[in-house]
Amino acid sequence: MKYPTVLVNGVSIRVDEAGRYSLNDLHMSAVACGQAKENQGPSQFLRTKKVKAFVETLTRMQKCILEQNQSVIVINGGFSQGVWAEEIVAIRYAA
């Protein structure tokens, strides 16, 4: 599947059909530019208590029941693998 992309600081970031951004692409671009370390990936970001609470609140407020409507999804394996998140979560990750 070919994903549309957006440019962030000159780096192409994939966006899925639901408008979620690839946090893995954001991480790779930050590492390539020397703005992040390998150990600051999306999985570490999602493990923090504050981020868990933020995502849970966002999901609850948006009343996301179906998986395809979730604020954050994690896909293990396949072409689409990685962490995909809505713009507000992607911005928080990038900050």
PDB file of N, CA and C in Angstrom:
ATOM      1  N   MET A   1       0.839  -1.182   0.000  1.00  0.00           N
ATOM      2  CA  MET A   1       0.000   0.000   0.000  1.00  0.00           C
ATOM      3  C   MET A   1       0.885   1.246   0.000  1.00  0.00           C
ATOM      4  N   LYS A   2       0.549   2.186  -0.825  1.00  0.00           N
ATOM      5  CA  LYS A   2       1.302   3.436  -0.894  1.00  0.00           C
ATOM      6  C   LYS A   2       0.610   4.477  -0.026  1.00  0.00           C
ATOM      7  N   TYR A   3       1.358   5.043   0.893  1.00  0.00           N
ATOM      8  CA  TYR A   3       0.804   6.047   1.797  1.00  0.00           C
ATOM      9  C   TYR A   3       1.117   7.446   1.288  1.00  0.00           C
ATOM     10  N   PRO A   4       0.174   8.376   1.476  1.00  0.00           N
ATOM     11  CA  PRO A   4       0.514   9.769   1.194  1.00  0.00           C
ATOM     12  C   PRO A   4       1.539  10.231   2.227  1.00  0.00           C
ATOM     13  N   THR A   5       2.276  11.252   1.893  1.00  0.00           N
ATOM     14  CA  THR A   5       3.285  11.747   2.825  1.00  0.00           C
ATOM     15  C   THR A   5       3.154  13.255   3.004  1.00  0.00           C
ATOM     16  N   VAL A   6       3.713  13.722   4.090  1.00  0.00           N
ATOM     17  CA  VAL A   6       3.846  15.160   4.328  1.00  0.00           C
ATOM     18  C   VAL A   6       5.328  15.420   4.587  1.00  0.00           C
ATOM     19  N   LEU A   7       5.761  16.610   4.300  1.00  0.00           N
ATOM     20  CA  LEU A   7       7.150  16.970   4.559  1.00  0.00           C
ATOM     21  C   LEU A   7       7.246  17.723   5.877  1.00  0.00           C
ATOM     22  N   VAL A   8       8.118  17.244   6.749  1.00  0.00           N
ATOM     23  CA  VAL A   8       8.387  17.902   8.024  1.00  0.00           C
ATOM     24  C   VAL A   8       9.887  18.166   8.063  1.00  0.00           C
ATOM     25  N   ASN A   9      10.259  19.420   8.056  1.00  0.00           N
ATOM     26  CA  ASN A   9      11.676  19.801   8.008  1.00  0.00           C
ATOM     27  C   ASN A   9      12.411  19.113   6.864  1.00  0.00           C
ATOM     28  N   GLY A  10      11.733  18.991   5.736  1.00  0.00           N
ATOM     29  CA  GLY A  10      12.346  18.401   4.556  1.00  0.00           C
ATOM     30  C   GLY A  10      12.368  16.887   4.542  1.00  0.00           C
ATOM     31  N   VAL A  11      11.749  16.246   5.527  1.00  0.00           N
ATOM     32  CA  VAL A  11      11.720  14.785   5.608  1.00  0.00           C
ATOM     33  C   VAL A  11      10.304  14.304   5.341  1.00  0.00           C
ATOM     34  N   SER A  12      10.177  13.268   4.529  1.00  0.00           N
ATOM     35  CA  SER A  12       8.874  12.719   4.170  1.00  0.00           C
ATOM     36  C   SER A  12       8.349  11.816   5.287  1.00  0.00           C
ATOM     37  N   ILE A  13       7.155  12.127   5.791  1.00  0.00           N
ATOM     38  CA  ILE A  13       6.517  11.358   6.865  1.00  0.00           C
ATOM     39  C   ILE A  13       5.237  10.743   6.308  1.00  0.00           C
ATOM     40  N   ARG A  14       5.086   9.426   6.466  1.00  0.00           N
ATOM     41  CA  ARG A  14       3.884   8.752   5.966  1.00  0.00           C
ATOM     42  C   ARG A  14       2.665   9.095   6.817  1.00  0.00           C
ATOM     43  N   VAL A  15       1.516   9.146   6.146  1.00  0.00           N
ATOM     44  CA  VAL A  15       0.229   9.391   6.800  1.00  0.00           C
ATOM     45  C   VAL A  15      -0.715   8.287   6.336  1.00  0.00           C
ATOM     46  N   ASP A  16      -1.396   7.606   7.281  1.00  0.00           N
ATOM     47  CA  ASP A  16      -2.292   6.520   6.877  1.00  0.00           C
ATOM     48  C   ASP A  16      -3.649   7.057   6.429  1.00  0.00           C
ATOM     49  N   GLU A  17      -4.526   6.134   6.027  1.00  0.00           N
ATOM     50  CA  GLU A  17      -5.836   6.509   5.489  1.00  0.00           C
ATOM     51  C   GLU A  17      -6.725   7.210   6.513  1.00  0.00           C
ATOM     52  N   ALA A  18      -6.418   7.064   7.798  1.00  0.00           N
ATOM     53  CA  ALA A  18      -7.193   7.729   8.852  1.00  0.00           C
ATOM     54  C   ALA A  18      -6.572   9.070   9.255  1.00  0.00           C
ATOM     55  N   GLY A  19      -5.478   9.459   8.595  1.00  0.00           N
ATOM     56  CA  GLY A  19      -4.834  10.727   8.907  1.00  0.00           C
ATOM     57  C   GLY A  19      -3.821  10.660  10.036  1.00  0.00           C
ATOM     58  N   ARG A  20      -3.467   9.436  10.452  1.00  0.00           N
ATOM     59  CA  ARG A  20      -2.468   9.277  11.509  1.00  0.00           C
ATOM     60  C   ARG A  20      -1.059   9.324  10.908  1.00  0.00           C
ATOM     61  N   TYR A  21      -0.140   9.913  11.657  1.00  0.00           N
ATOM     62  CA  TYR A  21       1.247  10.053  11.222  1.00  0.00           C
ATOM     63  C   TYR A  21       2.082   8.887  11.736  1.00  0.00           C
ATOM     64  N   SER A  22       3.092   8.508  10.979  1.00  0.00           N
ATOM     65  CA  SER A  22       4.012   7.459  11.408  1.00  0.00           C
ATOM     66  C   SER A  22       5.023   8.053  12.383  1.00  0.00           C
ATOM     67  N   LEU A  23       4.909   7.669  13.650  1.00  0.00           N
ATOM     68  CA  LEU A  23       5.866   8.150  14.645  1.00  0.00           C
ATOM     69  C   LEU A  23       7.248   7.563  14.384  1.00  0.00           C
ATOM     70  N   ASN A  24       7.291   6.392  13.756  1.00  0.00           N
ATOM     71  CA  ASN A  24       8.576   5.793  13.413  1.00  0.00           C
ATOM     72  C   ASN A  24       9.314   6.645  12.378  1.00  0.00           C
ATOM     73  N   ASP A  25       8.584   7.178  11.398  1.00  0.00           N
ATOM     74  CA  ASP A  25       9.196   8.069  10.410  1.00  0.00           C
ATOM     75  C   ASP A  25       9.709   9.335  11.084  1.00  0.00           C
ATOM     76  N   LEU A  26       8.919   9.892  12.003  1.00  0.00           N
ATOM     77  CA  LEU A  26       9.355  11.086  12.738  1.00  0.00           C
ATOM     78  C   LEU A  26      10.633  10.797  13.523  1.00  0.00           C
ATOM     79  N   HIS A  27      10.678   9.632  14.149  1.00  0.00           N
ATOM     80  CA  HIS A  27      11.852   9.254  14.937  1.00  0.00           C
ATOM     81  C   HIS A  27      13.079   9.094  14.046  1.00  0.00           C
ATOM     82  N   MET A  28      12.917   8.403  12.923  1.00  0.00           N
ATOM     83  CA  MET A  28      14.052   8.206  12.018  1.00  0.00           C
ATOM     84  C   MET A  28      14.597   9.537  11.508  1.00  0.00           C
ATOM     85  N   SER A  29      13.699  10.474  11.213  1.00  0.00           N
ATOM     86  CA  SER A  29      14.163  11.774  10.720  1.00  0.00           C
ATOM     87  C   SER A  29      14.890  12.549  11.818  1.00  0.00           C
ATOM     88  N   ALA A  30      14.408  12.454  13.049  1.00  0.00           N
ATOM     89  CA  ALA A  30      15.062  13.144  14.167  1.00  0.00           C
ATOM     90  C   ALA A  30      16.440  12.552  14.446  1.00  0.00           C
ATOM     91  N   VAL A  31      16.560  11.229  14.363  1.00  0.00           N
ATOM     92  CA  VAL A  31      17.854  10.572  14.572  1.00  0.00           C
ATOM     93  C   VAL A  31      18.815  10.977  13.458  1.00  0.00           C
ATOM     94  N   ALA A  32      18.326  10.985  12.223  1.00  0.00           N
ATOM     95  CA  ALA A  32      19.170  11.349  11.079  1.00  0.00           C
ATOM     96  C   ALA A  32      19.689  12.782  11.181  1.00  0.00           C
ATOM     97  N   CYS A  33      18.898  13.660  11.779  1.00  0.00           N
ATOM     98  CA  CYS A  33      19.295  15.071  11.932  1.00  0.00           C
ATOM     99  C   CYS A  33      20.064  15.320  13.222  1.00  0.00           C
ATOM    100  N   GLY A  34      20.273  14.268  14.022  1.00  0.00           N
ATOM    101  CA  GLY A  34      20.987  14.423  15.280  1.00  0.00           C
ATOM    102  C   GLY A  34      20.166  15.060  16.387  1.00  0.00           C
ATOM    103  N   GLN A  35      18.841  15.065  16.234  1.00  0.00           N
ATOM    104  CA  GLN A  35      17.969  15.683  17.234  1.00  0.00           C
ATOM    105  C   GLN A  35      17.378  14.674  18.208  1.00  0.00           C
ATOM    106  N   ALA A  36      17.662  13.398  17.996  1.00  0.00           N
ATOM    107  CA  ALA A  36      17.156  12.346  18.888  1.00  0.00           C
ATOM    108  C   ALA A  36      18.140  11.190  18.884  1.00  0.00           C
ATOM    109  N   LYS A  37      17.986  10.324  19.874  1.00  0.00           N
ATOM    110  CA  LYS A  37      18.817   9.127  19.976  1.00  0.00           C
ATOM    111  C   LYS A  37      17.972   7.917  19.616  1.00  0.00           C
ATOM    112  N   GLU A  38      18.642   6.814  19.300  1.00  0.00           N
ATOM    113  CA  GLU A  38      17.943   5.579  18.932  1.00  0.00           C
ATOM    114  C   GLU A  38      16.985   5.125  20.027  1.00  0.00           C
ATOM    115  N   ASN A  39      17.357   5.329  21.289  1.00  0.00           N
ATOM    116  CA  ASN A  39      16.533   4.839  22.402  1.00  0.00           C
ATOM    117  C   ASN A  39      15.351   5.748  22.730  1.00  0.00           C
ATOM    118  N   GLN A  40      15.082   6.750  21.912  1.00  0.00           N
ATOM    119  CA  GLN A  40      13.955   7.652  22.147  1.00  0.00           C
ATOM    120  C   GLN A  40      12.819   7.376  21.162  1.00  0.00           C
ATOM    121  N   GLY A  41      12.650   6.118  20.804  1.00  0.00           N
ATOM    122  CA  GLY A  41      11.642   5.736  19.819  1.00  0.00           C
ATOM    123  C   GLY A  41      10.217   5.812  20.340  1.00  0.00           C
ATOM    124  N   PRO A  42       9.266   5.618  19.439  1.00  0.00           N
ATOM    125  CA  PRO A  42       7.850   5.700  19.796  1.00  0.00           C
ATOM    126  C   PRO A  42       7.430   4.735  20.899  1.00  0.00           C
ATOM    127  N   SER A  43       8.010   3.541  20.921  1.00  0.00           N
ATOM    128  CA  SER A  43       7.602   2.576  21.951  1.00  0.00           C
ATOM    129  C   SER A  43       7.965   3.085  23.344  1.00  0.00           C
ATOM    130  N   GLN A  44       9.120   3.723  23.486  1.00  0.00           N
ATOM    131  CA  GLN A  44       9.502   4.298  24.784  1.00  0.00           C
ATOM    132  C   GLN A  44       8.575   5.448  25.158  1.00  0.00           C
ATOM    133  N   PHE A  45       8.238   6.272  24.184  1.00  0.00           N
ATOM    134  CA  PHE A  45       7.327   7.405  24.377  1.00  0.00           C
ATOM    135  C   PHE A  45       5.980   6.928  24.910  1.00  0.00           C
ATOM    136  N   LEU A  46       5.443   5.858  24.314  1.00  0.00           N
ATOM    137  CA  LEU A  46       4.120   5.361  24.704  1.00  0.00           C
ATOM    138  C   LEU A  46       4.105   4.696  26.073  1.00  0.00           C
ATOM    139  N   ARG A  47       5.257   4.345  26.608  1.00  0.00           N
ATOM    140  CA  ARG A  47       5.327   3.674  27.914  1.00  0.00           C
ATOM    141  C   ARG A  47       5.238   4.630  29.098  1.00  0.00           C
ATOM    142  N   THR A  48       5.437   5.913  28.871  1.00  0.00           N
ATOM    143  CA  THR A  48       5.426   6.851  29.996  1.00  0.00           C
ATOM    144  C   THR A  48       4.004   7.041  30.523  1.00  0.00           C
ATOM    145  N   LYS A  49       3.890   7.240  31.826  1.00  0.00           N
ATOM    146  CA  LYS A  49       2.576   7.383  32.461  1.00  0.00           C
ATOM    147  C   LYS A  49       1.802   8.572  31.912  1.00  0.00           C
ATOM    148  N   LYS A  50       2.480   9.698  31.731  1.00  0.00           N
ATOM    149  CA  LYS A  50       1.795  10.900  31.249  1.00  0.00           C
ATOM    150  C   LYS A  50       1.250  10.712  29.840  1.00  0.00           C
ATOM    151  N   VAL A  51       2.016  10.062  28.991  1.00  0.00           N
ATOM    152  CA  VAL A  51       1.552   9.845  27.614  1.00  0.00           C
ATOM    153  C   VAL A  51       0.411   8.833  27.596  1.00  0.00           C
ATOM    154  N   LYS A  52       0.510   7.784  28.397  1.00  0.00           N
ATOM    155  CA  LYS A  52      -0.591   6.817  28.486  1.00  0.00           C
ATOM    156  C   LYS A  52      -1.879   7.520  28.899  1.00  0.00           C
ATOM    157  N   ALA A  53      -1.793   8.363  29.909  1.00  0.00           N
ATOM    158  CA  ALA A  53      -2.973   9.095  30.380  1.00  0.00           C
ATOM    159  C   ALA A  53      -3.487  10.046  29.304  1.00  0.00           C
ATOM    160  N   PHE A  54      -2.589  10.713  28.603  1.00  0.00           N
ATOM    161  CA  PHE A  54      -2.963  11.637  27.527  1.00  0.00           C
ATOM    162  C   PHE A  54      -3.725  10.905  26.424  1.00  0.00           C
ATOM    163  N   VAL A  55      -3.191   9.776  25.979  1.00  0.00           N
ATOM    164  CA  VAL A  55      -3.825   9.002  24.904  1.00  0.00           C
ATOM    165  C   VAL A  55      -5.162   8.434  25.367  1.00  0.00           C
ATOM    166  N   GLU A  56      -5.230   7.935  26.597  1.00  0.00           N
ATOM    167  CA  GLU A  56      -6.492   7.408  27.124  1.00  0.00           C
ATOM    168  C   GLU A  56      -7.556   8.497  27.190  1.00  0.00           C
ATOM    169  N   THR A  57      -7.185   9.676  27.648  1.00  0.00           N
ATOM    170  CA  THR A  57      -8.130  10.794  27.721  1.00  0.00           C
ATOM    171  C   THR A  57      -8.577  11.214  26.329  1.00  0.00           C
ATOM    172  N   LEU A  58      -7.649  11.312  25.413  1.00  0.00           N
ATOM    173  CA  LEU A  58      -7.971  11.686  24.038  1.00  0.00           C
ATOM    174  C   LEU A  58      -8.931  10.678  23.414  1.00  0.00           C
ATOM    175  N   THR A  59      -8.661   9.411  23.605  1.00  0.00           N
ATOM    176  CA  THR A  59      -9.514   8.355  23.065  1.00  0.00           C
ATOM    177  C   THR A  59     -10.903   8.411  23.685  1.00  0.00           C
ATOM    178  N   ARG A  60     -10.956   8.603  24.999  1.00  0.00           N
ATOM    179  CA  ARG A  60     -12.244   8.676  25.692  1.00  0.00           C
ATOM    180  C   ARG A  60     -13.049   9.892  25.227  1.00  0.00           C
ATOM    181  N   MET A  61     -12.406  11.034  25.086  1.00  0.00           N
ATOM    182  CA  MET A  61     -13.098  12.255  24.677  1.00  0.00           C
ATOM    183  C   MET A  61     -13.609  12.161  23.239  1.00  0.00           C
ATOM    184  N   GLN A  62     -12.889  11.422  22.415  1.00  0.00           N
ATOM    185  CA  GLN A  62     -13.312  11.255  21.026  1.00  0.00           C
ATOM    186  C   GLN A  62     -14.267  10.077  20.858  1.00  0.00           C
ATOM    187  N   LYS A  63     -14.474   9.350  21.951  1.00  0.00           N
ATOM    188  CA  LYS A  63     -15.358   8.184  21.945  1.00  0.00           C
ATOM    189  C   LYS A  63     -14.968   7.200  20.844  1.00  0.00           C
ATOM    190  N   CYS A  64     -13.682   6.869  20.825  1.00  0.00           N
ATOM    191  CA  CYS A  64     -13.141   5.952  19.822  1.00  0.00           C
ATOM    192  C   CYS A  64     -13.383   4.516  20.258  1.00  0.00           C
ATOM    193  N   ILE A  65     -14.270   3.846  19.574  1.00  0.00           N
ATOM    194  CA  ILE A  65     -14.577   2.460  19.904  1.00  0.00           C
ATOM    195  C   ILE A  65     -13.914   1.522  18.902  1.00  0.00           C
ATOM    196  N   LEU A  66     -14.056   1.824  17.634  1.00  0.00           N
ATOM    197  CA  LEU A  66     -13.486   0.984  16.594  1.00  0.00           C
ATOM    198  C   LEU A  66     -11.978   1.179  16.509  1.00  0.00           C
ATOM    199  N   GLU A  67     -11.264   0.087  16.235  1.00  0.00           N
ATOM    200  CA  GLU A  67      -9.804   0.149  16.177  1.00  0.00           C
ATOM    201  C   GLU A  67      -9.311   1.145  15.134  1.00  0.00           C
ATOM    202  N   GLN A  68      -9.976   1.202  13.987  1.00  0.00           N
ATOM    203  CA  GLN A  68      -9.514   2.103  12.932  1.00  0.00           C
ATOM    204  C   GLN A  68      -9.684   3.574  13.301  1.00  0.00           C
ATOM    205  N   ASN A  69     -10.443   3.875  14.355  1.00  0.00           N
ATOM    206  CA  ASN A  69     -10.647   5.258  14.789  1.00  0.00           C
ATOM    207  C   ASN A  69      -9.797   5.643  15.995  1.00  0.00           C
ATOM    208  N   GLN A  70      -8.926   4.755  16.441  1.00  0.00           N
ATOM    209  CA  GLN A  70      -8.114   5.016  17.627  1.00  0.00           C
ATOM    210  C   GLN A  70      -7.102   6.132  17.379  1.00  0.00           C
ATOM    211  N   SER A  71      -6.780   6.869  18.425  1.00  0.00           N
ATOM    212  CA  SER A  71      -5.803   7.959  18.341  1.00  0.00           C
ATOM    213  C   SER A  71      -4.404   7.443  18.048  1.00  0.00           C
ATOM    214  N   VAL A  72      -4.096   6.276  18.599  1.00  0.00           N
ATOM    215  CA  VAL A  72      -2.788   5.649  18.399  1.00  0.00           C
ATOM    216  C   VAL A  72      -3.008   4.176  18.106  1.00  0.00           C
ATOM    217  N   ILE A  73      -2.343   3.685  17.072  1.00  0.00           N
ATOM    218  CA  ILE A  73      -2.361   2.246  16.821  1.00  0.00           C
ATOM    219  C   ILE A  73      -0.926   1.765  16.656  1.00  0.00           C
ATOM    220  N   VAL A  74      -0.693   0.534  17.089  1.00  0.00           N
ATOM    221  CA  VAL A  74       0.610  -0.098  16.938  1.00  0.00           C
ATOM    222  C   VAL A  74       0.403  -1.315  16.058  1.00  0.00           C
ATOM    223  N   ILE A  75       1.144  -1.370  14.959  1.00  0.00           N
ATOM    224  CA  ILE A  75       1.034  -2.482  14.022  1.00  0.00           C
ATOM    225  C   ILE A  75       2.349  -3.244  14.057  1.00  0.00           C
ATOM    226  N   ASN A  76       2.263  -4.524  14.408  1.00  0.00           N
ATOM    227  CA  ASN A  76       3.440  -5.386  14.464  1.00  0.00           C
ATOM    228  C   ASN A  76       3.513  -6.227  13.201  1.00  0.00           C
ATOM    229  N   GLY A  77       4.567  -6.067  12.439  1.00  0.00           N
ATOM    230  CA  GLY A  77       4.775  -6.847  11.225  1.00  0.00           C
ATOM    231  C   GLY A  77       4.065  -6.278  10.018  1.00  0.00           C
ATOM    232  N   GLY A  78       4.546  -6.685   8.854  1.00  0.00           N
ATOM    233  CA  GLY A  78       3.933  -6.246   7.609  1.00  0.00           C
ATOM    234  C   GLY A  78       4.468  -4.910   7.127  1.00  0.00           C
ATOM    235  N   PHE A  79       3.938  -4.462   6.006  1.00  0.00           N
ATOM    236  CA  PHE A  79       4.397  -3.221   5.381  1.00  0.00           C
ATOM    237  C   PHE A  79       4.060  -1.999   6.222  1.00  0.00           C
ATOM    238  N   SER A  80       2.945  -2.045   6.919  1.00  0.00           N
ATOM    239  CA  SER A  80       2.463  -0.881   7.679  1.00  0.00           C
ATOM    240  C   SER A  80       2.911  -0.886   9.131  1.00  0.00           C
ATOM    241  N   GLN A  81       3.903  -1.703   9.463  1.00  0.00           N
ATOM    242  CA  GLN A  81       4.284  -1.832  10.868  1.00  0.00           C
ATOM    243  C   GLN A  81       4.786  -0.521  11.448  1.00  0.00           C
ATOM    244  N   GLY A  82       4.599  -0.388  12.741  1.00  0.00           N
ATOM    245  CA  GLY A  82       5.060   0.799  13.440  1.00  0.00           C
ATOM    246  C   GLY A  82       3.972   1.417  14.288  1.00  0.00           C
ATOM    247  N   VAL A  83       4.252   2.600  14.782  1.00  0.00           N
ATOM    248  CA  VAL A  83       3.312   3.339  15.621  1.00  0.00           C
ATOM    249  C   VAL A  83       2.743   4.478  14.789  1.00  0.00           C
ATOM    250  N   TRP A  84       1.419   4.535  14.726  1.00  0.00           N
ATOM    251  CA  TRP A  84       0.703   5.554  13.961  1.00  0.00           C
ATOM    252  C   TRP A  84      -0.154   6.351  14.932  1.00  0.00           C
ATOM    253  N   ALA A  85      -0.090   7.680  14.852  1.00  0.00           N
ATOM    254  CA  ALA A  85      -0.795   8.513  15.828  1.00  0.00           C
ATOM    255  C   ALA A  85      -1.404   9.745  15.173  1.00  0.00           C
ATOM    256  N   GLU A  86      -2.499  10.211  15.781  1.00  0.00           N
ATOM    257  CA  GLU A  86      -3.137  11.440  15.317  1.00  0.00           C
ATOM    258  C   GLU A  86      -2.163  12.603  15.448  1.00  0.00           C
ATOM    259  N   GLU A  87      -2.467  13.674  14.749  1.00  0.00           N
ATOM    260  CA  GLU A  87      -1.570  14.828  14.689  1.00  0.00           C
ATOM    261  C   GLU A  87      -1.198  15.365  16.073  1.00  0.00           C
ATOM    262  N   ILE A  88      -2.156  15.466  16.973  1.00  0.00           N
ATOM    263  CA  ILE A  88      -1.871  16.033  18.296  1.00  0.00           C
ATOM    264  C   ILE A  88      -0.886  15.159  19.077  1.00  0.00           C
ATOM    265  N   VAL A  89      -0.975  13.847  18.915  1.00  0.00           N
ATOM    266  CA  VAL A  89      -0.041  12.938  19.583  1.00  0.00           C
ATOM    267  C   VAL A  89       1.325  13.025  18.899  1.00  0.00           C
ATOM    268  N   ALA A  90       1.330  13.118  17.577  1.00  0.00           N
ATOM    269  CA  ALA A  90       2.588  13.249  16.830  1.00  0.00           C
ATOM    270  C   ALA A  90       3.324  14.529  17.227  1.00  0.00           C
ATOM    271  N   ILE A  91       2.577  15.604  17.415  1.00  0.00           N
ATOM    272  CA  ILE A  91       3.191  16.868  17.839  1.00  0.00           C
ATOM    273  C   ILE A  91       3.787  16.722  19.234  1.00  0.00           C
ATOM    274  N   ARG A  92       3.064  16.056  20.116  1.00  0.00           N
ATOM    275  CA  ARG A  92       3.588  15.851  21.479  1.00  0.00           C
ATOM    276  C   ARG A  92       4.849  14.989  21.429  1.00  0.00           C
ATOM    277  N   TYR A  93       4.856  13.981  20.570  1.00  0.00           N
ATOM    278  CA  TYR A  93       6.040  13.130  20.436  1.00  0.00           C
ATOM    279  C   TYR A  93       7.226  13.936  19.903  1.00  0.00           C
ATOM    280  N   ALA A  94       6.974  14.762  18.920  1.00  0.00           N
ATOM    281  CA  ALA A  94       8.048  15.553  18.310  1.00  0.00           C
ATOM    282  C   ALA A  94       8.607  16.605  19.265  1.00  0.00           C
ATOM    283  N   ALA A  95       7.785  17.045  20.199  1.00  0.00           N
ATOM    284  CA  ALA A  95       8.241  18.077  21.137  1.00  0.00           C
ATOM    285  C   ALA A  95       9.202  17.460  22.119  1.00  0.00           C
TER     286      ALA A  95
END
